[in-house]
Amino acid sequence: MSLAYAILSVLVNAPSSGYDLAKRFNPSVEGSVGFFWSASFQQIYRELNRLEEKEWLQAESVQQENRPDKRIYTVTALGKQQLCQWMAQSEAMAPIKDELLVKLYVGHLVPHQTILLKLEDHRQQHQQRLAIYQEIRRQYFQNPQALSKTLKFQYMTLLRGIHYETSWLNWCDEIMPLLK
């Protein structure tokens, strides 16, 4: 998937400035796409310019006092059409790129304690991410059947994150005794 479609996906429901959009790609921001897609400020601004040139986005300048003008980006009808066509295309299964798994693969080269420490560190990170997801679920998705169509799809994405983190923690709990 290209960054273009991730940007369109965020802007289609909430027009915003480039700065605000870039914050939505940060996983520490609640409700952000940063939990499942990352991009730097530079990448986002470069892509915003490309999308505007393709007429998939339009930008409106908004004057601000004591600050430079900001541009608010909105998805055009052409951009929405492109996003819908992209959604209908099949996608390949995402390859796993996990540095920890590579290290684990050759873990026999180091003392078990080295790997256990790494697993404990990662386990803590996954527990923290799961807690964030569960808090988002508690705050915004208590009654999934009553959600709007848009929110139901966001809830489905959140559930995938919850299942991923839960599965990772279960896997970790299963393998750590092998090293003790």
N, C-alpha and C. Protein backbone atom coordinates (compact mmCIF):
# COMPACT_ATOMS: atom_id res chain seq x y z
N MET A 1 0.85 -1.18 0.00
CA MET A 1 0.00 0.00 0.00
C MET A 1 0.89 1.23 0.00
N SER A 2 0.44 2.20 -0.70
CA SER A 2 1.23 3.43 -0.70
C SER A 2 0.71 4.40 0.35
N LEU A 3 1.55 5.30 0.72
CA LEU A 3 1.20 6.32 1.69
C LEU A 3 0.01 7.15 1.19
N ALA A 4 -0.10 7.31 -0.11
CA ALA A 4 -1.19 8.11 -0.68
C ALA A 4 -2.54 7.63 -0.18
N TYR A 5 -2.75 6.33 -0.17
CA TYR A 5 -4.05 5.79 0.23
C TYR A 5 -4.26 5.89 1.74
N ALA A 6 -3.20 5.80 2.50
CA ALA A 6 -3.31 6.00 3.95
C ALA A 6 -3.72 7.45 4.24
N ILE A 7 -3.14 8.39 3.52
CA ILE A 7 -3.49 9.80 3.69
C ILE A 7 -4.93 10.04 3.28
N LEU A 8 -5.33 9.53 2.13
CA LEU A 8 -6.72 9.69 1.68
C LEU A 8 -7.68 9.09 2.71
N SER A 9 -7.31 7.95 3.27
CA SER A 9 -8.18 7.28 4.25
C SER A 9 -8.40 8.14 5.49
N VAL A 10 -7.39 8.87 5.89
CA VAL A 10 -7.52 9.74 7.06
C VAL A 10 -8.33 10.99 6.71
N LEU A 11 -8.02 11.58 5.56
CA LEU A 11 -8.65 12.85 5.19
C LEU A 11 -10.08 12.71 4.71
N VAL A 12 -10.48 11.53 4.26
CA VAL A 12 -11.82 11.39 3.69
C VAL A 12 -12.90 11.72 4.72
N ASN A 13 -12.66 11.47 5.97
CA ASN A 13 -13.64 11.76 7.02
C ASN A 13 -13.34 13.03 7.80
N ALA A 14 -12.10 13.50 7.72
CA ALA A 14 -11.72 14.64 8.55
C ALA A 14 -10.68 15.50 7.84
N PRO A 15 -11.11 16.46 7.01
CA PRO A 15 -10.14 17.37 6.39
C PRO A 15 -9.27 18.00 7.47
N SER A 16 -7.99 18.19 7.16
CA SER A 16 -7.11 18.76 8.18
C SER A 16 -5.88 19.36 7.54
N SER A 17 -5.11 20.04 8.35
CA SER A 17 -3.84 20.60 7.91
C SER A 17 -2.81 19.48 7.80
N GLY A 18 -1.72 19.75 7.13
CA GLY A 18 -0.65 18.77 7.03
C GLY A 18 -0.09 18.42 8.40
N TYR A 19 0.04 19.42 9.26
CA TYR A 19 0.56 19.19 10.60
C TYR A 19 -0.37 18.27 11.39
N ASP A 20 -1.67 18.55 11.37
CA ASP A 20 -2.63 17.71 12.10
C ASP A 20 -2.68 16.31 11.50
N LEU A 21 -2.58 16.22 10.19
CA LEU A 21 -2.55 14.92 9.53
C LEU A 21 -1.34 14.12 9.99
N ALA A 22 -0.19 14.75 10.01
CA ALA A 22 1.04 14.06 10.43
C ALA A 22 0.92 13.54 11.86
N LYS A 23 0.24 14.28 12.73
CA LYS A 23 0.04 13.81 14.10
C LYS A 23 -0.80 12.53 14.12
N ARG A 24 -1.69 12.35 13.16
CA ARG A 24 -2.54 11.16 13.11
C ARG A 24 -1.74 9.92 12.73
N PHE A 25 -0.51 10.10 12.25
CA PHE A 25 0.36 8.97 11.92
C PHE A 25 1.29 8.63 13.07
N ASN A 26 1.03 9.20 14.23
CA ASN A 26 1.83 8.95 15.43
C ASN A 26 1.05 7.97 16.32
N PRO A 27 1.62 6.81 16.64
CA PRO A 27 0.88 5.83 17.43
C PRO A 27 0.58 6.26 18.85
N SER A 28 1.14 7.36 19.31
CA SER A 28 0.83 7.80 20.67
C SER A 28 -0.42 8.67 20.69
N VAL A 29 -0.97 8.98 19.51
CA VAL A 29 -2.18 9.79 19.44
C VAL A 29 -3.38 8.86 19.36
N GLU A 30 -4.29 9.02 20.28
CA GLU A 30 -5.46 8.14 20.36
C GLU A 30 -6.27 8.22 19.06
N GLY A 31 -6.67 7.06 18.57
CA GLY A 31 -7.48 7.00 17.37
C GLY A 31 -6.70 7.24 16.09
N SER A 32 -5.40 7.09 16.14
CA SER A 32 -4.59 7.40 14.97
C SER A 32 -4.33 6.18 14.11
N VAL A 33 -4.01 6.44 12.85
CA VAL A 33 -3.60 5.35 11.96
C VAL A 33 -2.17 4.93 12.25
N GLY A 34 -1.50 5.70 13.08
CA GLY A 34 -0.13 5.38 13.46
C GLY A 34 0.02 4.03 14.14
N PHE A 35 -1.08 3.46 14.62
CA PHE A 35 -1.01 2.13 15.21
C PHE A 35 -0.75 1.07 14.14
N PHE A 36 -1.10 1.36 12.88
CA PHE A 36 -0.91 0.35 11.84
C PHE A 36 -0.26 0.87 10.56
N TRP A 37 0.11 2.14 10.52
CA TRP A 37 0.83 2.68 9.36
C TRP A 37 1.66 3.86 9.83
N SER A 38 2.93 3.90 9.49
CA SER A 38 3.78 5.00 9.94
C SER A 38 4.32 5.78 8.76
N ALA A 39 4.58 7.05 9.01
CA ALA A 39 5.17 7.93 8.01
C ALA A 39 5.74 9.15 8.72
N SER A 40 6.81 9.67 8.19
CA SER A 40 7.43 10.86 8.77
C SER A 40 6.71 12.11 8.26
N PHE A 41 6.95 13.24 8.93
CA PHE A 41 6.39 14.52 8.49
C PHE A 41 6.80 14.80 7.05
N GLN A 42 8.07 14.57 6.74
CA GLN A 42 8.57 14.86 5.39
C GLN A 42 7.86 14.01 4.35
N GLN A 43 7.68 12.73 4.62
CA GLN A 43 6.99 11.85 3.68
C GLN A 43 5.55 12.31 3.47
N ILE A 44 4.89 12.70 4.54
CA ILE A 44 3.49 13.13 4.45
C ILE A 44 3.37 14.40 3.63
N TYR A 45 4.20 15.40 3.90
CA TYR A 45 4.12 16.66 3.15
C TYR A 45 4.45 16.46 1.68
N ARG A 46 5.43 15.62 1.40
CA ARG A 46 5.78 15.32 0.01
C ARG A 46 4.59 14.67 -0.70
N GLU A 47 3.93 13.74 -0.02
CA GLU A 47 2.78 13.04 -0.61
C GLU A 47 1.58 13.97 -0.76
N LEU A 48 1.38 14.86 0.19
CA LEU A 48 0.29 15.84 0.07
C LEU A 48 0.44 16.66 -1.21
N ASN A 49 1.67 17.08 -1.50
CA ASN A 49 1.92 17.84 -2.73
C ASN A 49 1.60 17.00 -3.97
N ARG A 50 2.02 15.75 -3.98
CA ARG A 50 1.73 14.87 -5.12
C ARG A 50 0.23 14.68 -5.31
N LEU A 51 -0.47 14.45 -4.21
CA LEU A 51 -1.91 14.22 -4.28
C LEU A 51 -2.65 15.46 -4.74
N GLU A 52 -2.16 16.61 -4.36
CA GLU A 52 -2.77 17.86 -4.83
C GLU A 52 -2.52 18.04 -6.33
N GLU A 53 -1.31 17.71 -6.78
CA GLU A 53 -1.01 17.79 -8.22
C GLU A 53 -1.89 16.85 -9.04
N LYS A 54 -2.18 15.66 -8.49
CA LYS A 54 -3.05 14.69 -9.17
C LYS A 54 -4.53 15.07 -9.08
N GLU A 55 -4.82 16.11 -8.28
CA GLU A 55 -6.18 16.57 -8.02
C GLU A 55 -7.00 15.56 -7.23
N TRP A 56 -6.32 14.77 -6.40
CA TRP A 56 -7.00 13.86 -5.49
C TRP A 56 -7.32 14.59 -4.19
N LEU A 57 -6.60 15.68 -3.96
CA LEU A 57 -6.83 16.54 -2.80
C LEU A 57 -6.92 17.97 -3.27
N GLN A 58 -7.61 18.78 -2.49
CA GLN A 58 -7.54 20.23 -2.70
C GLN A 58 -7.22 20.86 -1.36
N ALA A 59 -6.54 21.98 -1.43
CA ALA A 59 -6.13 22.65 -0.19
C ALA A 59 -6.67 24.06 -0.18
N GLU A 60 -7.12 24.47 0.99
CA GLU A 60 -7.60 25.83 1.19
C GLU A 60 -6.69 26.49 2.21
N SER A 61 -6.21 27.68 1.88
CA SER A 61 -5.35 28.42 2.81
C SER A 61 -6.20 29.10 3.86
N VAL A 62 -5.76 28.98 5.09
CA VAL A 62 -6.44 29.60 6.22
C VAL A 62 -5.45 30.52 6.91
N GLN A 63 -5.81 31.79 7.02
CA GLN A 63 -4.92 32.75 7.67
C GLN A 63 -4.97 32.55 9.17
N GLN A 64 -3.79 32.73 9.78
CA GLN A 64 -3.67 32.62 11.23
C GLN A 64 -2.94 33.85 11.76
N GLU A 65 -3.32 34.29 12.93
CA GLU A 65 -2.60 35.40 13.54
C GLU A 65 -1.32 34.90 14.17
N ASN A 66 -0.27 35.66 13.99
CA ASN A 66 1.03 35.38 14.60
C ASN A 66 1.64 34.06 14.18
N ARG A 67 1.12 33.45 13.13
CA ARG A 67 1.68 32.20 12.61
C ARG A 67 1.52 32.20 11.10
N PRO A 68 2.31 31.37 10.42
CA PRO A 68 2.12 31.27 8.97
C PRO A 68 0.74 30.71 8.64
N ASP A 69 0.24 31.04 7.47
CA ASP A 69 -1.03 30.48 7.02
C ASP A 69 -0.92 28.96 6.99
N LYS A 70 -2.04 28.30 7.24
CA LYS A 70 -2.04 26.84 7.14
C LYS A 70 -2.96 26.44 6.00
N ARG A 71 -2.73 25.26 5.53
CA ARG A 71 -3.54 24.73 4.43
C ARG A 71 -4.36 23.56 4.96
N ILE A 72 -5.65 23.59 4.68
CA ILE A 72 -6.54 22.51 5.08
C ILE A 72 -6.80 21.66 3.84
N TYR A 73 -6.45 20.37 3.94
CA TYR A 73 -6.58 19.45 2.82
C TYR A 73 -7.89 18.69 2.90
N THR A 74 -8.55 18.58 1.75
CA THR A 74 -9.82 17.87 1.63
C THR A 74 -9.71 16.91 0.44
N VAL A 75 -10.29 15.74 0.57
CA VAL A 75 -10.30 14.76 -0.53
C VAL A 75 -11.32 15.23 -1.56
N THR A 76 -10.90 15.24 -2.83
CA THR A 76 -11.80 15.62 -3.92
C THR A 76 -12.62 14.40 -4.35
N ALA A 77 -13.58 14.64 -5.22
CA ALA A 77 -14.39 13.52 -5.75
C ALA A 77 -13.48 12.53 -6.48
N LEU A 78 -12.49 13.04 -7.22
CA LEU A 78 -11.54 12.16 -7.91
C LEU A 78 -10.73 11.36 -6.90
N GLY A 79 -10.31 11.99 -5.82
CA GLY A 79 -9.56 11.29 -4.78
C GLY A 79 -10.39 10.20 -4.13
N LYS A 80 -11.64 10.49 -3.86
CA LYS A 80 -12.53 9.50 -3.27
C LYS A 80 -12.76 8.33 -4.24
N GLN A 81 -12.88 8.65 -5.51
CA GLN A 81 -13.03 7.59 -6.53
C GLN A 81 -11.80 6.71 -6.57
N GLN A 82 -10.62 7.30 -6.52
CA GLN A 82 -9.37 6.54 -6.53
C GLN A 82 -9.26 5.66 -5.27
N LEU A 83 -9.67 6.21 -4.14
CA LEU A 83 -9.64 5.46 -2.88
C LEU A 83 -10.58 4.25 -2.96
N CYS A 84 -11.77 4.45 -3.52
CA CYS A 84 -12.73 3.34 -3.65
C CYS A 84 -12.22 2.28 -4.62
N GLN A 85 -11.59 2.69 -5.71
CA GLN A 85 -11.02 1.72 -6.66
C GLN A 85 -9.91 0.93 -5.99
N TRP A 86 -9.07 1.61 -5.24
CA TRP A 86 -7.99 0.94 -4.53
C TRP A 86 -8.54 -0.07 -3.53
N MET A 87 -9.62 0.30 -2.83
CA MET A 87 -10.21 -0.60 -1.85
C MET A 87 -10.74 -1.88 -2.49
N ALA A 88 -11.17 -1.81 -3.72
CA ALA A 88 -11.72 -2.98 -4.41
C ALA A 88 -10.62 -3.92 -4.93
N GLN A 89 -9.39 -3.43 -5.00
CA GLN A 89 -8.28 -4.26 -5.48
C GLN A 89 -7.89 -5.29 -4.42
N SER A 90 -7.41 -6.43 -4.90
CA SER A 90 -6.93 -7.43 -3.94
C SER A 90 -5.55 -7.00 -3.43
N GLU A 91 -5.23 -7.46 -2.25
CA GLU A 91 -3.94 -7.12 -1.67
C GLU A 91 -3.22 -8.40 -1.27
N ALA A 92 -1.91 -8.33 -1.35
CA ALA A 92 -1.09 -9.46 -0.94
C ALA A 92 -1.00 -9.46 0.59
N MET A 93 -0.79 -10.63 1.13
CA MET A 93 -0.58 -10.72 2.57
C MET A 93 0.70 -9.96 2.92
N ALA A 94 0.64 -9.16 3.95
CA ALA A 94 1.79 -8.34 4.33
C ALA A 94 2.93 -9.23 4.83
N PRO A 95 4.13 -9.00 4.33
CA PRO A 95 5.26 -9.80 4.82
C PRO A 95 5.61 -9.39 6.24
N ILE A 96 6.10 -10.33 7.00
CA ILE A 96 6.54 -10.04 8.36
C ILE A 96 7.97 -9.53 8.30
N LYS A 97 8.20 -8.38 8.86
CA LYS A 97 9.55 -7.83 9.02
C LYS A 97 9.70 -7.54 10.50
N ASP A 98 10.31 -8.46 11.21
CA ASP A 98 10.39 -8.32 12.66
C ASP A 98 11.81 -8.63 13.11
N GLU A 99 12.50 -7.60 13.54
CA GLU A 99 13.89 -7.74 13.97
C GLU A 99 14.03 -8.72 15.13
N LEU A 100 13.06 -8.71 16.03
CA LEU A 100 13.11 -9.64 17.16
C LEU A 100 13.07 -11.09 16.68
N LEU A 101 12.25 -11.39 15.69
CA LEU A 101 12.17 -12.77 15.19
C LEU A 101 13.49 -13.22 14.55
N VAL A 102 14.17 -12.31 13.88
CA VAL A 102 15.48 -12.66 13.30
C VAL A 102 16.46 -12.98 14.43
N LYS A 103 16.45 -12.17 15.46
CA LYS A 103 17.35 -12.41 16.61
C LYS A 103 16.98 -13.71 17.31
N LEU A 104 15.70 -13.99 17.43
CA LEU A 104 15.25 -15.22 18.07
C LEU A 104 15.67 -16.45 17.25
N TYR A 105 15.64 -16.30 15.94
CA TYR A 105 16.00 -17.39 15.04
C TYR A 105 17.43 -17.88 15.30
N VAL A 106 18.31 -16.95 15.67
CA VAL A 106 19.71 -17.32 15.97
C VAL A 106 20.02 -17.12 17.46
N GLY A 107 18.97 -17.19 18.26
CA GLY A 107 19.11 -16.98 19.70
C GLY A 107 20.04 -17.96 20.39
N HIS A 108 20.28 -19.11 19.74
CA HIS A 108 21.16 -20.10 20.35
C HIS A 108 22.60 -19.60 20.49
N LEU A 109 22.93 -18.51 19.82
CA LEU A 109 24.29 -17.98 19.86
C LEU A 109 24.59 -17.17 21.13
N VAL A 110 23.57 -16.79 21.87
CA VAL A 110 23.77 -15.97 23.06
C VAL A 110 23.15 -16.68 24.27
N PRO A 111 23.51 -16.27 25.47
CA PRO A 111 22.89 -16.88 26.65
C PRO A 111 21.37 -16.68 26.65
N HIS A 112 20.65 -17.64 27.17
CA HIS A 112 19.19 -17.56 27.22
C HIS A 112 18.71 -16.28 27.89
N GLN A 113 19.46 -15.85 28.89
CA GLN A 113 19.07 -14.64 29.63
C GLN A 113 19.00 -13.43 28.70
N THR A 114 19.87 -13.35 27.72
CA THR A 114 19.86 -12.24 26.76
C THR A 114 18.54 -12.20 26.02
N ILE A 115 18.09 -13.35 25.55
CA ILE A 115 16.83 -13.44 24.82
C ILE A 115 15.65 -13.20 25.76
N LEU A 116 15.72 -13.75 26.96
CA LEU A 116 14.64 -13.53 27.92
C LEU A 116 14.44 -12.05 28.23
N LEU A 117 15.53 -11.32 28.36
CA LEU A 117 15.44 -9.89 28.63
C LEU A 117 14.77 -9.16 27.46
N LYS A 118 15.13 -9.55 26.25
CA LYS A 118 14.51 -8.96 25.06
C LYS A 118 13.02 -9.26 25.04
N LEU A 119 12.67 -10.50 25.31
CA LEU A 119 11.26 -10.89 25.30
C LEU A 119 10.48 -10.15 26.37
N GLU A 120 11.07 -10.01 27.55
CA GLU A 120 10.40 -9.27 28.63
C GLU A 120 10.15 -7.82 28.21
N ASP A 121 11.15 -7.21 27.59
CA ASP A 121 11.01 -5.82 27.13
C ASP A 121 9.88 -5.71 26.10
N HIS A 122 9.89 -6.59 25.12
CA HIS A 122 8.84 -6.57 24.10
C HIS A 122 7.47 -6.89 24.70
N ARG A 123 7.46 -7.82 25.63
CA ARG A 123 6.20 -8.20 26.29
C ARG A 123 5.58 -6.98 26.97
N GLN A 124 6.40 -6.20 27.64
CA GLN A 124 5.93 -5.00 28.31
C GLN A 124 5.36 -4.00 27.30
N GLN A 125 6.05 -3.82 26.18
CA GLN A 125 5.57 -2.91 25.14
C GLN A 125 4.21 -3.36 24.58
N HIS A 126 4.08 -4.67 24.35
CA HIS A 126 2.82 -5.19 23.83
C HIS A 126 1.70 -5.08 24.86
N GLN A 127 2.02 -5.26 26.13
CA GLN A 127 1.02 -5.08 27.18
C GLN A 127 0.55 -3.64 27.23
N GLN A 128 1.48 -2.71 27.08
CA GLN A 128 1.12 -1.28 27.09
C GLN A 128 0.23 -0.94 25.90
N ARG A 129 0.57 -1.45 24.73
CA ARG A 129 -0.24 -1.18 23.54
C ARG A 129 -1.63 -1.80 23.70
N LEU A 130 -1.71 -3.02 24.23
CA LEU A 130 -3.01 -3.65 24.46
C LEU A 130 -3.84 -2.82 25.44
N ALA A 131 -3.22 -2.30 26.47
CA ALA A 131 -3.95 -1.47 27.45
C ALA A 131 -4.51 -0.21 26.76
N ILE A 132 -3.73 0.38 25.88
CA ILE A 132 -4.21 1.56 25.13
C ILE A 132 -5.42 1.18 24.29
N TYR A 133 -5.32 0.08 23.56
CA TYR A 133 -6.43 -0.36 22.71
C TYR A 133 -7.67 -0.65 23.55
N GLN A 134 -7.48 -1.31 24.68
CA GLN A 134 -8.63 -1.65 25.52
C GLN A 134 -9.27 -0.39 26.10
N GLU A 135 -8.47 0.61 26.40
CA GLU A 135 -9.01 1.88 26.90
C GLU A 135 -9.80 2.60 25.80
N ILE A 136 -9.28 2.58 24.59
CA ILE A 136 -10.02 3.17 23.46
C ILE A 136 -11.35 2.45 23.28
N ARG A 137 -11.30 1.14 23.36
CA ARG A 137 -12.54 0.36 23.24
C ARG A 137 -13.52 0.73 24.35
N ARG A 138 -13.04 0.84 25.57
CA ARG A 138 -13.90 1.18 26.69
C ARG A 138 -14.52 2.57 26.53
N GLN A 139 -13.71 3.53 26.06
CA GLN A 139 -14.18 4.91 25.96
C GLN A 139 -15.14 5.13 24.79
N TYR A 140 -14.87 4.50 23.65
CA TYR A 140 -15.59 4.87 22.43
C TYR A 140 -16.46 3.77 21.82
N PHE A 141 -16.28 2.54 22.23
CA PHE A 141 -16.95 1.45 21.53
C PHE A 141 -17.65 0.48 22.48
N GLN A 142 -18.35 1.00 23.47
CA GLN A 142 -19.01 0.14 24.45
C GLN A 142 -20.17 -0.63 23.86
N ASN A 143 -20.84 -0.06 22.88
CA ASN A 143 -21.99 -0.73 22.26
C ASN A 143 -21.78 -0.79 20.75
N PRO A 144 -21.01 -1.77 20.27
CA PRO A 144 -20.65 -1.82 18.84
C PRO A 144 -21.84 -1.84 17.88
N GLN A 145 -22.93 -2.48 18.26
CA GLN A 145 -24.07 -2.54 17.34
C GLN A 145 -24.72 -1.18 17.13
N ALA A 146 -24.56 -0.27 18.07
CA ALA A 146 -25.18 1.06 17.97
C ALA A 146 -24.29 2.07 17.26
N LEU A 147 -23.09 1.67 16.85
CA LEU A 147 -22.16 2.59 16.21
C LEU A 147 -22.62 2.98 14.81
N SER A 148 -22.19 4.16 14.38
CA SER A 148 -22.44 4.57 12.99
C SER A 148 -21.64 3.66 12.07
N LYS A 149 -21.95 3.69 10.80
CA LYS A 149 -21.24 2.86 9.83
C LYS A 149 -19.74 3.15 9.87
N THR A 150 -19.38 4.41 9.88
CA THR A 150 -17.97 4.80 9.92
C THR A 150 -17.28 4.25 11.16
N LEU A 151 -17.91 4.43 12.31
CA LEU A 151 -17.30 3.96 13.56
C LEU A 151 -17.23 2.44 13.64
N LYS A 152 -18.17 1.74 13.02
CA LYS A 152 -18.09 0.27 13.02
C LYS A 152 -16.81 -0.20 12.32
N PHE A 153 -16.45 0.46 11.23
CA PHE A 153 -15.24 0.06 10.53
C PHE A 153 -13.99 0.43 11.34
N GLN A 154 -14.02 1.54 12.04
CA GLN A 154 -12.90 1.88 12.91
C GLN A 154 -12.81 0.88 14.06
N TYR A 155 -13.95 0.45 14.56
CA TYR A 155 -13.98 -0.56 15.63
C TYR A 155 -13.37 -1.87 15.14
N MET A 156 -13.68 -2.27 13.92
CA MET A 156 -13.11 -3.50 13.36
C MET A 156 -11.59 -3.42 13.33
N THR A 157 -11.07 -2.25 12.97
CA THR A 157 -9.62 -2.05 12.95
C THR A 157 -9.05 -2.16 14.35
N LEU A 158 -9.73 -1.55 15.31
CA LEU A 158 -9.29 -1.62 16.71
C LEU A 158 -9.29 -3.07 17.19
N LEU A 159 -10.33 -3.82 16.86
CA LEU A 159 -10.39 -5.23 17.27
C LEU A 159 -9.21 -6.02 16.72
N ARG A 160 -8.80 -5.72 15.50
CA ARG A 160 -7.64 -6.41 14.93
C ARG A 160 -6.40 -6.12 15.76
N GLY A 161 -6.24 -4.88 16.18
CA GLY A 161 -5.12 -4.52 17.04
C GLY A 161 -5.17 -5.25 18.37
N ILE A 162 -6.35 -5.35 18.96
CA ILE A 162 -6.51 -6.06 20.24
C ILE A 162 -6.16 -7.53 20.07
N HIS A 163 -6.65 -8.15 18.99
CA HIS A 163 -6.34 -9.56 18.75
C HIS A 163 -4.86 -9.77 18.48
N TYR A 164 -4.24 -8.85 17.75
CA TYR A 164 -2.80 -8.97 17.47
C TYR A 164 -2.01 -8.94 18.78
N GLU A 165 -2.28 -7.95 19.61
CA GLU A 165 -1.52 -7.83 20.86
C GLU A 165 -1.78 -9.01 21.79
N THR A 166 -3.01 -9.46 21.87
CA THR A 166 -3.34 -10.61 22.71
C THR A 166 -2.62 -11.86 22.21
N SER A 167 -2.61 -12.06 20.90
CA SER A 167 -1.93 -13.20 20.31
C SER A 167 -0.42 -13.14 20.58
N TRP A 168 0.16 -11.96 20.44
CA TRP A 168 1.59 -11.81 20.68
C TRP A 168 1.92 -12.18 22.12
N LEU A 169 1.12 -11.69 23.05
CA LEU A 169 1.36 -11.98 24.47
C LEU A 169 1.20 -13.47 24.76
N ASN A 170 0.21 -14.11 24.14
CA ASN A 170 0.04 -15.56 24.32
C ASN A 170 1.24 -16.33 23.77
N TRP A 171 1.73 -15.93 22.61
CA TRP A 171 2.92 -16.56 22.02
C TRP A 171 4.11 -16.39 22.95
N CYS A 172 4.29 -15.20 23.47
CA CYS A 172 5.41 -14.92 24.37
C CYS A 172 5.32 -15.79 25.62
N ASP A 173 4.13 -15.90 26.19
CA ASP A 173 3.93 -16.74 27.37
C ASP A 173 4.24 -18.20 27.08
N GLU A 174 3.99 -18.62 25.86
CA GLU A 174 4.24 -20.01 25.48
C GLU A 174 5.73 -20.30 25.28
N ILE A 175 6.47 -19.34 24.73
CA ILE A 175 7.88 -19.62 24.41
C ILE A 175 8.84 -19.32 25.56
N MET A 176 8.50 -18.39 26.43
CA MET A 176 9.45 -18.01 27.48
C MET A 176 9.83 -19.17 28.39
N PRO A 177 8.92 -20.09 28.74
CA PRO A 177 9.34 -21.23 29.56
C PRO A 177 10.39 -22.13 28.87
N LEU A 178 10.44 -22.09 27.55
CA LEU A 178 11.44 -22.90 26.84
C LEU A 178 12.86 -22.42 27.13
N LEU A 179 13.00 -21.17 27.57
CA LEU A 179 14.30 -20.58 27.82
C LEU A 179 14.71 -20.59 29.28
N LYS A 180 13.83 -21.10 30.13
CA LYS A 180 14.12 -21.10 31.58
C LYS A 180 14.62 -22.45 32.04
